[in-house]
C-alpha atoms as a PDB file:
ATOM      1  CA  MET A   1     124.029 106.815  39.301  1.00  0.00           C
ATOM      2  CA  ALA A   2     125.216 103.609  37.628  1.00  0.00           C
ATOM      3  CA  SER A   3     122.969 101.501  39.849  1.00  0.00           C
ATOM      4  CA  GLN A   4     120.009 103.742  38.959  1.00  0.00           C
ATOM      5  CA  LEU A   5     120.737 103.234  35.276  1.00  0.00           C
ATOM      6  CA  ALA A   6     121.069  99.482  35.693  1.00  0.00           C
ATOM      7  CA  SER A   7     117.870  99.408  37.734  1.00  0.00           C
ATOM      8  CA  GLY A   8     116.028 101.408  35.061  1.00  0.00           C
ATOM      9  CA  ASP A   9     117.269  99.053  32.355  1.00  0.00           C
ATOM     10  CA  LEU A  10     116.203  96.047  34.410  1.00  0.00           C
ATOM     11  CA  ILE A  11     112.738  97.515  34.912  1.00  0.00           C
ATOM     12  CA  SER A  12     112.413  98.285  31.202  1.00  0.00           C
ATOM     13  CA  ASP A  13     113.574  94.773  30.294  1.00  0.00           C
ATOM     14  CA  ARG A  14     110.995  93.203  32.589  1.00  0.00           C
ATOM     15  CA  TYR A  15     108.106  95.286  31.305  1.00  0.00           C
ATOM     16  CA  ALA A  16     109.136  94.810  27.668  1.00  0.00           C
ATOM     17  CA  SER A  17     109.562  91.043  28.127  1.00  0.00           C
ATOM     18  CA  ALA A  18     106.196  90.723  29.842  1.00  0.00           C
ATOM     19  CA  LEU A  19     104.492  92.719  27.093  1.00  0.00           C
ATOM     20  CA  TYR A  20     106.210  90.696  24.369  1.00  0.00           C
ATOM     21  CA  ASP A  21     105.230  87.382  25.966  1.00  0.00           C
ATOM     22  CA  LEU A  22     101.616  88.492  26.324  1.00  0.00           C
ATOM     23  CA  ALA A  23     101.514  89.867  22.772  1.00  0.00           C
ATOM     24  CA  ALA A  24     102.974  86.606  21.431  1.00  0.00           C
ATOM     25  CA  GLU A  25     100.413  84.609  23.397  1.00  0.00           C
ATOM     26  CA  LYS A  26      97.579  86.719  21.949  1.00  0.00           C
ATOM     27  CA  LYS A  27      99.190  86.721  18.473  1.00  0.00           C
ATOM     28  CA  ALA A  28      99.340  90.510  18.568  1.00  0.00           C
ATOM     29  CA  VAL A  29     103.087  91.162  18.354  1.00  0.00           C
ATOM     30  CA  ASP A  30     102.907  93.033  15.040  1.00  0.00           C
ATOM     31  CA  PRO A  31     100.038  95.371  16.024  1.00  0.00           C
ATOM     32  CA  VAL A  32     101.670  96.130  19.384  1.00  0.00           C
ATOM     33  CA  LEU A  33     105.017  96.690  17.653  1.00  0.00           C
ATOM     34  CA  THR A  34     103.359  99.126  15.246  1.00  0.00           C
ATOM     35  CA  ASP A  35     101.697 100.979  18.141  1.00  0.00           C
ATOM     36  CA  LEU A  36     104.927 101.201  20.112  1.00  0.00           C
ATOM     37  CA  SER A  37     106.909 102.314  17.060  1.00  0.00           C
ATOM     38  CA  ASN A  38     104.346 105.059  16.461  1.00  0.00           C
ATOM     39  CA  LEU A  39     104.593 106.134  20.109  1.00  0.00           C
ATOM     40  CA  LYS A  40     108.389 106.119  19.885  1.00  0.00           C
ATOM     41  CA  ASN A  41     108.255 108.406  16.838  1.00  0.00           C
ATOM     42  CA  ILE A  42     105.793 110.716  18.585  1.00  0.00           C
ATOM     43  CA  LEU A  43     108.063 110.893  21.643  1.00  0.00           C
ATOM     44  CA  LYS A  44     111.107 111.503  19.450  1.00  0.00           C
ATOM     45  CA  ASP A  45     109.404 114.346  17.586  1.00  0.00           C
ATOM     46  CA  ASN A  46     107.741 115.973  20.601  1.00  0.00           C
ATOM     47  CA  LYS A  47     110.184 117.190  23.254  1.00  0.00           C
ATOM     48  CA  GLU A  48     107.361 118.635  25.387  1.00  0.00           C
ATOM     49  CA  LEU A  49     105.675 115.242  25.601  1.00  0.00           C
ATOM     50  CA  ASN A  50     108.995 113.743  26.662  1.00  0.00           C
ATOM     51  CA  LEU A  51     109.225 116.278  29.467  1.00  0.00           C
ATOM     52  CA  VAL A  52     105.650 115.536  30.525  1.00  0.00           C
ATOM     53  CA  ILE A  53     106.191 111.791  30.899  1.00  0.00           C
ATOM     54  CA  LYS A  54     109.408 112.274  32.855  1.00  0.00           C
ATOM     55  CA  SER A  55     108.033 114.980  35.143  1.00  0.00           C
ATOM     56  CA  PRO A  56     107.191 113.849  38.680  1.00  0.00           C
ATOM     57  CA  LEU A  57     104.980 116.944  39.018  1.00  0.00           C
ATOM     58  CA  ILE A  58     102.395 115.666  36.538  1.00  0.00           C
ATOM     59  CA  PRO A  59     100.197 112.901  37.986  1.00  0.00           C
ATOM     60  CA  SER A  60     100.245 109.513  36.248  1.00  0.00           C
ATOM     61  CA  PRO A  61      96.488 109.596  35.481  1.00  0.00           C
ATOM     62  CA  ASP A  62      97.027 112.817  33.508  1.00  0.00           C
ATOM     63  CA  LYS A  63      99.856 111.179  31.583  1.00  0.00           C
ATOM     64  CA  LEU A  64      97.598 108.203  30.857  1.00  0.00           C
ATOM     65  CA  ASN A  65      94.867 110.506  29.524  1.00  0.00           C
ATOM     66  CA  ILE A  66      97.354 112.065  27.111  1.00  0.00           C
ATOM     67  CA  PHE A  67      98.481 108.671  25.840  1.00  0.00           C
ATOM     68  CA  GLU A  68      94.956 107.293  25.609  1.00  0.00           C
ATOM     69  CA  SER A  69      94.030 110.162  23.287  1.00  0.00           C
ATOM     70  CA  LEU A  70      97.170 109.488  21.209  1.00  0.00           C
ATOM     71  CA  LEU A  71      96.343 105.787  21.029  1.00  0.00           C
ATOM     72  CA  LYS A  72      92.806 106.559  19.846  1.00  0.00           C
ATOM     73  CA  LYS A  73      94.231 108.663  17.020  1.00  0.00           C
ATOM     74  CA  ILE A  74      96.446 105.807  15.839  1.00  0.00           C
ATOM     75  CA  ASN A  75      93.747 103.132  16.380  1.00  0.00           C
ATOM     76  CA  ALA A  76      95.966 101.216  18.776  1.00  0.00           C
ATOM     77  CA  ASN A  77      95.548  97.597  19.751  1.00  0.00           C
ATOM     78  CA  GLU A  78      93.675  96.960  23.005  1.00  0.00           C
ATOM     79  CA  LEU A  79      96.749  95.247  24.476  1.00  0.00           C
ATOM     80  CA  THR A  80      98.763  98.441  24.008  1.00  0.00           C
ATOM     81  CA  ASN A  81      96.047 100.413  25.813  1.00  0.00           C
ATOM     82  CA  THR A  82      95.996  97.920  28.673  1.00  0.00           C
ATOM     83  CA  PHE A  83      99.771  97.979  28.914  1.00  0.00           C
ATOM     84  CA  LEU A  84      99.821 101.751  29.279  1.00  0.00           C
ATOM     85  CA  LYS A  85      97.255 101.434  32.079  1.00  0.00           C
ATOM     86  CA  VAL A  86      99.612  99.032  33.870  1.00  0.00           C
ATOM     87  CA  ILE A  87     102.476 101.493  33.426  1.00  0.00           C
ATOM     88  CA  GLU A  88     100.288 104.257  34.847  1.00  0.00           C
ATOM     89  CA  LYS A  89      99.208 102.125  37.797  1.00  0.00           C
ATOM     90  CA  ASN A  90     102.826 101.266  38.604  1.00  0.00           C
ATOM     91  CA  LYS A  91     104.031 104.843  37.991  1.00  0.00           C
ATOM     92  CA  ARG A  92     106.529 103.813  35.296  1.00  0.00           C
ATOM     93  CA  PHE A  93     105.816 106.403  32.602  1.00  0.00           C
ATOM     94  CA  SER A  94     109.372 107.694  32.964  1.00  0.00           C
ATOM     95  CA  ASN A  95     110.546 104.302  31.644  1.00  0.00           C
ATOM     96  CA  LEU A  96     108.229 104.281  28.617  1.00  0.00           C
ATOM     97  CA  ALA A  97     110.811 105.187  25.946  1.00  0.00           C
ATOM     98  CA  SER A  98     113.229 102.594  27.304  1.00  0.00           C
ATOM     99  CA  ILE A  99     110.487  99.937  27.478  1.00  0.00           C
ATOM    100  CA  ILE A 100     109.586 100.608  23.844  1.00  0.00           C
ATOM    101  CA  THR A 101     113.244 100.332  22.805  1.00  0.00           C
ATOM    102  CA  GLN A 102     113.598  97.042  24.697  1.00  0.00           C
ATOM    103  CA  PHE A 103     110.399  95.655  23.146  1.00  0.00           C
ATOM    104  CA  ILE A 104     111.734  96.438  19.671  1.00  0.00           C
ATOM    105  CA  LYS A 105     115.060  94.761  20.526  1.00  0.00           C
ATOM    106  CA  ILE A 106     113.318  91.656  21.886  1.00  0.00           C
ATOM    107  CA  ASN A 107     111.157  91.435  18.766  1.00  0.00           C
ATOM    108  CA  SER A 108     114.170  91.819  16.471  1.00  0.00           C
ATOM    109  CA  HIS A 109     116.108  89.182  18.403  1.00  0.00           C
ATOM    110  CA  LYS A 110     113.206  86.704  18.228  1.00  0.00           C
ATOM    111  CA  ARG A 111     112.953  87.244  14.465  1.00  0.00           C
ATOM    112  CA  GLY A 112     116.692  86.833  13.973  1.00  0.00           C
ATOM    113  CA  ASP A 113     117.221  90.404  12.818  1.00  0.00           C
ATOM    114  CA  VAL A 114     120.532  92.208  13.237  1.00  0.00           C
ATOM    115  CA  LEU A 115     120.204  95.710  14.697  1.00  0.00           C
ATOM    116  CA  ALA A 116     122.703  98.355  13.680  1.00  0.00           C
ATOM    117  CA  GLY A 117     122.852 101.985  14.712  1.00  0.00           C
ATOM    118  CA  ILE A 118     124.516 104.596  12.535  1.00  0.00           C
ATOM    119  CA  THR A 119     125.409 107.961  14.064  1.00  0.00           C
ATOM    120  CA  SER A 120     126.561 110.850  11.903  1.00  0.00           C
ATOM    121  CA  ALA A 121     127.323 114.509  12.551  1.00  0.00           C
ATOM    122  CA  ASP A 122     124.759 115.647   9.962  1.00  0.00           C
ATOM    123  CA  GLU A 123     121.581 114.165   8.534  1.00  0.00           C
ATOM    124  CA  LEU A 124     122.455 111.657   5.801  1.00  0.00           C
ATOM    125  CA  ASN A 125     120.690 111.899   2.442  1.00  0.00           C
ATOM    126  CA  ASP A 126     118.883 108.911   0.928  1.00  0.00           C
ATOM    127  CA  ASP A 127     121.807 107.958  -1.344  1.00  0.00           C
ATOM    128  CA  GLN A 128     124.204 107.893   1.612  1.00  0.00           C
ATOM    129  CA  LYS A 129     121.755 105.837   3.692  1.00  0.00           C
ATOM    130  CA  ASN A 130     121.243 103.368   0.823  1.00  0.00           C
ATOM    131  CA  ASN A 131     125.003 103.048   0.281  1.00  0.00           C
ATOM    132  CA  ILE A 132     125.608 102.344   3.989  1.00  0.00           C
ATOM    133  CA  THR A 133     122.670  99.926   4.092  1.00  0.00           C
ATOM    134  CA  ASN A 134     123.939  97.983   1.065  1.00  0.00           C
ATOM    135  CA  GLN A 135     127.501  97.818   2.421  1.00  0.00           C
ATOM    136  CA  LEU A 136     126.322  96.539   5.804  1.00  0.00           C
ATOM    137  CA  LYS A 137     123.908  94.032   4.229  1.00  0.00           C
ATOM    138  CA  ASN A 138     126.838  92.588   2.254  1.00  0.00           C
ATOM    139  CA  ILE A 139     128.691  92.062   5.526  1.00  0.00           C
ATOM    140  CA  LEU A 140     125.883  91.208   7.954  1.00  0.00           C
ATOM    141  CA  GLY A 141     123.184  89.669   5.749  1.00  0.00           C
ATOM    142  CA  ASP A 142     119.702  90.674   4.686  1.00  0.00           C
ATOM    143  CA  LYS A 143     118.059  90.578   8.116  1.00  0.00           C
ATOM    144  CA  LEU A 144     119.507  93.961   8.970  1.00  0.00           C
ATOM    145  CA  LEU A 145     117.559  96.737  10.686  1.00  0.00           C
ATOM    146  CA  LEU A 146     119.243 100.130  10.669  1.00  0.00           C
ATOM    147  CA  SER A 147     118.565 103.209  12.720  1.00  0.00           C
ATOM    148  CA  PHE A 148     120.139 106.517  11.766  1.00  0.00           C
ATOM    149  CA  ASP A 149     120.845 109.181  14.390  1.00  0.00           C
ATOM    150  CA  VAL A 150     122.470 112.607  14.292  1.00  0.00           C
ATOM    151  CA  ASP A 151     124.945 113.774  16.942  1.00  0.00           C
ATOM    152  CA  LYS A 152     126.706 117.073  16.229  1.00  0.00           C
ATOM    153  CA  ASN A 153     129.286 116.277  18.934  1.00  0.00           C
ATOM    154  CA  ILE A 154     131.069 113.723  16.725  1.00  0.00           C
ATOM    155  CA  MET A 155     131.971 116.604  14.335  1.00  0.00           C
ATOM    156  CA  GLY A 156     132.278 114.352  11.268  1.00  0.00           C
ATOM    157  CA  GLY A 157     132.559 110.736  10.199  1.00  0.00           C
ATOM    158  CA  LEU A 158     130.361 107.885  11.405  1.00  0.00           C
ATOM    159  CA  ILE A 159     129.858 105.651  14.391  1.00  0.00           C
ATOM    160  CA  VAL A 160     128.481 102.203  13.539  1.00  0.00           C
ATOM    161  CA  LYS A 161     127.149 100.030  16.380  1.00  0.00           C
ATOM    162  CA  VAL A 162     126.154  96.411  15.842  1.00  0.00           C
ATOM    163  CA  GLY A 163     125.361  94.551  19.034  1.00  0.00           C
ATOM    164  CA  SER A 164     128.245  95.094  21.427  1.00  0.00           C
ATOM    165  CA  LYS A 165     130.674  96.037  18.643  1.00  0.00           C
ATOM    166  CA  MET A 166     131.366  99.601  17.572  1.00  0.00           C
ATOM    167  CA  ILE A 167     133.363 101.159  14.752  1.00  0.00           C
ATOM    168  CA  ASP A 168     134.100 104.796  15.514  1.00  0.00           C
ATOM    169  CA  THR A 169     135.451 106.784  12.562  1.00  0.00           C
ATOM    170  CA  SER A 170     134.269 110.089  13.985  1.00  0.00           C
ATOM    171  CA  LEU A 171     136.420 113.190  13.883  1.00  0.00           C
ATOM    172  CA  ALA A 172     135.906 113.659  17.630  1.00  0.00           C
ATOM    173  CA  ASN A 173     137.380 110.187  18.265  1.00  0.00           C
ATOM    174  CA  LYS A 174     140.391 110.891  16.029  1.00  0.00           C
ATOM    175  CA  ILE A 175     141.049 114.203  17.803  1.00  0.00           C
ATOM    176  CA  ASN A 176     140.794 112.453  21.164  1.00  0.00           C
ATOM    177  CA  LYS A 177     143.280 109.756  20.073  1.00  0.00           C
ATOM    178  CA  LEU A 178     145.667 112.438  18.824  1.00  0.00           C
ATOM    179  CA  ARG A 179     145.341 114.311  22.140  1.00  0.00           C
ATOM    180  CA  ILE A 180     146.189 111.121  24.058  1.00  0.00           C
ATOM    181  CA  ALA A 181     149.155 110.392  21.769  1.00  0.00           C
ATOM    182  CA  MET A 182     150.509 113.919  22.224  1.00  0.00           C
ATOM    183  CA  LYS A 183     150.272 113.651  26.020  1.00  0.00           C
ATOM    184  CA  GLY A 184     152.366 110.488  25.909  1.00  0.00           C
ATOM    185  CA  ALA A 185     155.047 112.011  23.646  1.00  0.00           C
END
């Protein structure tokens, strides 16, 4: 399982790097980034579409047709269209979400941005998001890109991830630490 995950990450890295290099060469990084961000949001909001792209029962040409119609609606860059055709040809639609994530990371790294992920048990309101953003910008600088996620399993608190560092103030983590301490007592 771990080797499959590593292999999938490696594949996504290669496709994302190749797309980024080609987009940079054609001076189309921003339009491709916009297209991929739109696709990522569509995939995030549409669970059925996620199931379709991961299903081995649905042929790749059918998946491509779905995405071509989506790309027409968002007036996507030609490079994005061509890239999806390459993914279809190589039967890599199941890696699409990961490729998009890697492309965004590569772009942020090249621009010198700092990526931070905030996970909370409930959806944060705008004031809470602004407060967290301002606090982190004071620590990490202005080139900060935040993503906010919700995970009910953490029960409360926050998990902040910046690069390979993580601050876990979640209730689930505190309960787990208490459980470990009680076993040792």
